[in-house]
Protein backbone atom coordinates (compact mmCIF):
# COMPACT_ATOMS: atom_id res chain seq x y z
CA MET A 1 -25.88 4.96 -20.10
CA THR A 2 -24.84 5.41 -16.47
CA SER A 3 -26.47 2.11 -15.49
CA LEU A 4 -24.83 0.31 -18.41
CA GLY A 5 -21.44 1.76 -17.52
CA ARG A 6 -21.80 0.76 -13.91
CA PHE A 7 -22.80 -2.77 -14.93
CA TRP A 8 -19.68 -2.96 -17.13
CA ARG A 9 -17.46 -1.82 -14.28
CA MET A 10 -19.04 -4.38 -11.96
CA LEU A 11 -18.35 -7.19 -14.45
CA GLY A 12 -14.87 -5.85 -15.13
CA THR A 13 -14.00 -5.68 -11.44
CA GLY A 14 -15.10 -9.25 -10.81
CA PHE A 15 -13.33 -10.46 -13.93
CA SER A 16 -10.08 -8.69 -13.00
CA PHE A 17 -9.87 -10.19 -9.52
CA LEU A 18 -10.96 -13.65 -10.69
CA VAL A 19 -8.36 -13.78 -13.44
CA PHE A 20 -5.63 -12.35 -11.20
CA GLY A 21 -6.40 -14.90 -8.48
CA LEU A 22 -6.33 -17.83 -10.90
CA LEU A 23 -3.13 -16.64 -12.56
CA SER A 24 -1.54 -16.16 -9.12
CA LEU A 25 -2.38 -19.75 -8.22
CA ILE A 26 -0.95 -21.03 -11.51
CA ALA A 27 2.19 -18.90 -11.08
CA SER A 28 2.68 -20.17 -7.53
CA LEU A 29 2.82 -23.72 -8.91
CA SER A 30 4.94 -22.97 -11.98
CA VAL A 31 6.90 -19.69 -11.86
CA LEU A 32 7.53 -19.56 -8.11
CA PRO A 33 9.41 -22.90 -7.92
CA VAL A 34 11.76 -21.68 -10.66
CA LEU A 35 12.39 -18.42 -8.80
CA MET A 36 13.01 -20.36 -5.59
CA LEU A 37 15.47 -22.83 -7.15
CA TRP A 38 17.37 -20.29 -9.25
CA PRO A 39 20.98 -20.01 -7.97
CA GLY A 40 21.77 -17.20 -5.59
CA SER A 41 21.61 -16.15 -1.98
CA SER A 42 18.40 -16.07 0.05
CA ALA A 43 18.41 -12.27 -0.22
CA ALA A 44 18.73 -12.44 -4.00
CA ARG A 45 15.93 -14.99 -4.15
CA GLU A 46 13.66 -12.74 -2.09
CA ARG A 47 14.38 -9.79 -4.37
CA ARG A 48 13.57 -11.89 -7.46
CA ILE A 49 10.24 -12.92 -5.98
CA ARG A 50 9.33 -9.39 -4.89
CA SER A 51 10.24 -8.11 -8.34
CA PHE A 52 7.87 -10.67 -9.89
CA VAL A 53 5.10 -9.73 -7.44
CA SER A 54 5.57 -6.06 -8.36
CA TRP A 55 5.41 -6.92 -12.07
CA ALA A 56 2.20 -8.91 -11.52
CA PHE A 57 0.63 -6.00 -9.63
CA ARG A 58 1.61 -3.65 -12.44
CA ALA A 59 -0.13 -5.96 -14.92
CA LEU A 60 -3.25 -6.01 -12.72
CA LEU A 61 -3.41 -2.19 -12.61
CA ALA A 62 -2.79 -2.00 -16.36
CA GLY A 63 -5.70 -4.38 -16.95
CA ILE A 64 -7.95 -2.36 -14.66
CA ALA A 65 -7.06 0.84 -16.54
CA LEU A 66 -7.59 -0.86 -19.91
CA LEU A 67 -11.07 -1.97 -18.88
CA GLY A 68 -11.93 1.58 -17.85
CA LEU A 69 -12.45 0.72 -14.18
CA GLY A 70 -9.95 3.14 -12.65
CA TYR A 71 -6.41 4.45 -12.82
CA VAL A 72 -3.56 5.59 -10.58
CA GLN A 73 -2.06 9.07 -10.45
CA VAL A 74 1.31 9.55 -8.72
CA GLU A 75 2.66 12.82 -7.32
CA GLY A 76 5.93 13.52 -5.50
CA ARG A 77 7.66 10.59 -7.15
CA GLU A 78 11.04 12.27 -6.57
CA HIS A 79 10.80 11.46 -2.86
CA LEU A 80 10.95 7.72 -3.62
CA ALA A 81 14.71 8.08 -4.06
CA GLN A 82 14.89 8.78 -0.31
CA ALA A 83 12.71 5.86 0.79
CA LYS A 84 15.48 3.47 1.87
CA GLY A 85 15.55 3.05 5.62
CA LYS A 86 12.36 5.10 5.99
CA LEU A 87 9.01 4.18 7.47
CA VAL A 88 6.45 4.81 4.75
CA VAL A 89 3.21 5.82 6.50
CA ALA A 90 0.13 5.90 4.28
CA THR A 91 -3.62 6.34 4.42
CA HIS A 92 -5.66 3.32 3.37
CA PRO A 93 -8.93 4.11 1.56
CA MET A 94 -9.20 1.11 -0.77
CA TYR A 95 -8.20 -2.49 -1.43
CA LEU A 96 -5.57 -1.68 -4.07
CA ASP A 97 -3.45 0.73 -1.99
CA ILE A 98 -0.70 -1.77 -1.21
CA VAL A 99 -0.81 -3.07 -4.79
CA ALA A 100 0.02 0.38 -6.15
CA LEU A 101 2.69 1.04 -3.51
CA LEU A 102 4.48 -2.25 -4.23
CA VAL A 103 4.55 -1.36 -7.93
CA LEU A 104 6.33 1.86 -7.02
CA MET A 105 8.44 0.25 -4.26
CA PRO A 106 8.97 -3.36 -5.36
CA PHE A 107 11.52 -4.26 -2.68
CA ALA A 108 9.77 -2.66 0.29
CA ASP A 109 8.75 -4.66 3.34
CA CYS A 110 5.10 -4.59 4.36
CA VAL A 111 2.84 -6.15 6.98
CA VAL A 112 0.15 -8.50 5.70
CA LYS A 113 -2.84 -10.00 7.44
CA ASN A 114 -2.20 -13.44 8.86
CA ALA A 115 -5.17 -14.66 6.81
CA MET A 116 -3.08 -14.15 3.66
CA LEU A 117 -0.89 -17.05 4.80
CA ARG A 118 -3.94 -19.29 4.48
CA ASN A 119 -5.17 -17.89 1.17
CA PRO A 120 -4.70 -20.61 -1.48
CA TYR A 121 -4.13 -18.06 -4.26
CA TYR A 122 -1.46 -15.89 -2.62
CA ARG A 123 0.01 -17.67 0.42
CA ARG A 124 3.00 -19.19 -1.40
CA PHE A 125 4.10 -15.82 -2.75
CA VAL A 126 3.52 -14.08 0.59
CA ARG A 127 5.76 -16.56 2.38
CA ALA A 128 8.43 -16.66 -0.31
CA ALA A 129 8.59 -12.86 -0.59
CA GLY A 130 9.26 -12.58 3.14
CA TYR A 131 6.46 -10.15 3.90
CA ILE A 132 5.74 -9.67 7.61
CA SER A 133 2.67 -11.37 9.12
CA ASN A 134 0.61 -9.58 11.76
CA GLY A 135 -0.28 -12.88 13.43
CA ASP A 136 2.09 -12.29 16.35
CA SER A 137 2.17 -8.57 17.22
CA ALA A 138 5.45 -8.75 19.17
CA ALA A 139 7.20 -10.68 16.39
CA ALA A 140 5.79 -8.32 13.76
CA MET A 141 7.05 -5.30 15.71
CA GLY A 142 10.52 -6.82 15.94
CA ALA A 143 10.57 -7.69 12.25
CA CYS A 144 9.50 -4.16 11.29
CA VAL A 145 12.18 -2.53 13.42
CA ASP A 146 14.81 -4.95 12.10
CA ALA A 147 13.88 -4.17 8.49
CA LEU A 148 14.31 -0.44 9.05
CA LYS A 149 17.58 -0.83 10.94
CA HIS A 150 18.93 -2.80 7.99
CA GLY A 151 18.16 0.09 5.65
CA ARG A 152 15.04 -1.31 4.01
CA SER A 153 11.83 0.58 3.33
CA LEU A 154 8.77 -0.44 5.32
CA VAL A 155 5.16 0.35 4.40
CA LEU A 156 2.62 0.66 7.20
CA PHE A 157 -1.01 1.78 7.34
CA PRO A 158 -1.45 3.36 10.82
CA GLU A 159 -5.19 2.71 10.78
CA GLY A 160 -4.56 -1.02 10.56
CA THR A 161 -7.45 -1.42 8.12
CA ARG A 162 -9.17 0.49 5.34
CA THR A 163 -10.69 3.84 6.25
CA THR A 164 -14.46 3.86 6.66
CA THR A 165 -15.87 5.97 3.85
CA GLY A 166 -16.81 9.41 5.16
CA GLY A 167 -15.35 8.67 8.58
CA ALA A 168 -12.54 10.40 10.41
CA LEU A 169 -9.03 8.95 10.46
CA HIS A 170 -8.19 6.94 13.56
CA PHE A 171 -4.51 6.02 13.78
CA ARG A 172 -3.17 3.35 16.08
CA ARG A 173 0.21 3.73 17.80
CA GLY A 174 1.93 0.84 16.04
CA ALA A 175 3.53 2.92 13.29
CA ALA A 176 4.83 5.51 15.76
CA GLN A 177 6.23 2.77 18.00
CA VAL A 178 8.07 1.19 15.08
CA ALA A 179 9.56 4.53 14.02
CA LEU A 180 10.66 5.37 17.57
CA ARG A 181 12.29 2.00 18.16
CA ALA A 182 14.06 2.10 14.80
CA GLY A 183 15.02 5.77 15.17
CA CYS A 184 14.14 6.40 11.53
CA GLN A 185 12.53 9.13 9.49
CA VAL A 186 8.92 8.97 8.34
CA LEU A 187 7.94 9.30 4.68
CA PRO A 188 4.24 10.28 4.56
CA VAL A 189 2.07 9.13 1.65
CA LEU A 190 -1.42 10.45 1.07
CA ILE A 191 -3.66 7.97 -0.72
CA ALA A 192 -7.13 9.11 -1.75
CA CYS A 193 -9.68 7.47 -4.05
CA THR A 194 -12.25 9.51 -5.97
CA PRO A 195 -15.01 8.43 -6.13
CA PRO A 196 -14.72 5.85 -3.32
CA ALA A 197 -14.27 2.29 -4.60
CA LEU A 198 -13.28 -1.09 -3.15
CA THR A 199 -13.70 0.32 0.35
CA LYS A 200 -14.23 -1.49 3.63
CA SER A 201 -17.87 -0.43 3.87
CA ARG A 202 -19.03 -1.73 0.50
CA ALA A 203 -18.87 -4.99 -1.43
CA TRP A 204 -16.61 -5.24 -4.48
CA TRP A 205 -19.61 -5.26 -6.82
CA GLN A 206 -20.89 -1.93 -5.45
CA VAL A 207 -18.94 0.09 -8.01
CA PRO A 208 -19.06 3.91 -8.22
CA GLU A 209 -20.95 5.87 -10.88
CA ARG A 210 -17.74 6.48 -12.84
CA ARG A 211 -14.23 5.14 -12.97
CA TRP A 212 -12.16 5.84 -9.90
CA GLN A 213 -8.89 7.75 -9.58
CA LEU A 214 -6.40 6.57 -6.97
CA LEU A 215 -4.13 9.45 -6.03
CA ILE A 216 -0.79 8.55 -4.43
CA ARG A 217 1.09 11.61 -3.20
CA PHE A 218 4.53 11.24 -1.63
CA TYR A 219 5.89 13.88 0.74
CA ALA A 220 9.47 14.57 1.78
CA PRO A 221 10.79 12.38 4.62
CA GLN A 222 10.57 13.98 8.05
CA ASP A 223 12.41 13.48 11.32
CA LEU A 224 10.26 12.35 14.24
CA SER A 225 10.85 15.74 15.83
CA ALA A 226 8.55 17.18 13.14
CA PHE A 227 5.76 15.12 14.71
CA GLY A 228 6.36 16.13 18.31
CA HIS A 229 9.07 13.72 19.46
CA ARG A 230 11.77 15.14 21.74
CA GLU A 231 14.89 13.48 23.09
CA GLY A 232 14.40 12.23 26.63
CA MET A 233 10.63 12.21 26.32
CA PRO A 234 8.95 9.14 27.92
CA TYR A 235 8.37 6.49 25.28
CA GLY A 236 4.61 6.30 25.77
CA VAL A 237 4.18 10.06 25.61
CA SER A 238 6.28 10.29 22.47
CA ALA A 239 4.31 7.51 20.74
CA ARG A 240 1.04 9.29 21.48
CA ARG A 241 2.37 12.64 20.25
CA VAL A 242 3.73 11.20 17.00
CA THR A 243 0.51 9.27 16.38
CA HIS A 244 -1.69 12.30 16.94
CA ALA A 245 0.57 14.53 14.83
CA LEU A 246 0.51 12.06 11.93
CA GLN A 247 -3.25 11.76 12.16
CA ASP A 248 -3.65 15.54 12.17
CA PHE A 249 -1.27 15.89 9.22
CA PHE A 250 -3.18 13.44 7.05
CA THR A 251 -6.55 14.80 8.13
CA GLN A 252 -5.44 18.25 6.95
CA GLN A 253 -4.06 16.89 3.67
CA LEU A 254 -7.32 15.06 2.97
CA ALA A 255 -9.28 18.22 3.72
CA ASN A 256 -7.12 20.11 1.22
CA HIS A 257 -7.43 17.42 -1.41
CA GLU A 258 -9.65 18.36 -4.31
CA PRO A 259 -10.86 15.64 -6.69
CA THR A 260 -9.29 15.98 -10.09
CA ASP A 261 -11.53 17.38 -12.82
CA ARG A 262 -12.60 14.56 -15.11
CA ARG A 263 -11.90 16.69 -18.17
CA THR A 264 -8.16 16.51 -17.46
CA GLU A 265 -7.98 12.76 -16.74
CA ALA A 266 -6.40 12.06 -20.11
CA THR A 267 -3.38 14.21 -19.23
CA HIS A 268 -2.56 12.42 -16.01
CA HIS A 269 0.35 10.07 -15.62
CA ARG A 270 -0.87 6.50 -15.36
CA LEU A 271 1.06 4.10 -13.20
CA ALA A 272 0.65 1.23 -15.64
CA ARG A 273 2.48 3.19 -18.34
CA SER A 274 5.41 4.35 -16.20
């Protein structure tokens, strides 16, 4: 039965991403032009497109849950009301992290890999939605700071890539540098997947022995002083302190995280039904 279930989840995973990719391509040639040409300002157009992207991601997660592949559990949702103008710093265990976050925060800015601008399935939506490319690090830094100074939410993964399964967290200084230059608060988000799935160290078809649970836990926004920053401190020193403090915070939260008992899965709030 376990082997049969795993085979089903492997087929379901491939089917989900194939269908989503094809539908994204079709939508980029049909729905996107309508959203682009609809009357309104450039800001209104961008919000329309991001809203559609969020809706599409919600549909993807609903399909994944329906097929019995995995589901999303959200905690600390009340802190989302404070996300405007905050740097949302999150751990990054699996491929669908940003998908789930953009369902919860449809109008947030985020940094995408430059390769996404060449992806035939998604590139048109990435450009039209105004997401920030990491192709030019200096330009990306400026765009991130500008987004925060204009009161928008910005999602960043300090590791820069998905966490290696079983490995220690290793944060880069980019997120701390953005927060320091923007002078904004940090909204921490713990993301943990149990059992590990769609990780960096395994192929998509290497599915776990049971369906996965993606936990997304929001914490209250914190001033940079909570992570070691002090007024007048040299910029480089402050960036290192904030980076190390964030890394230590998430390491401790992951250590405290206990996988949810499978017997209570049916009682959990599912993102696709919210």
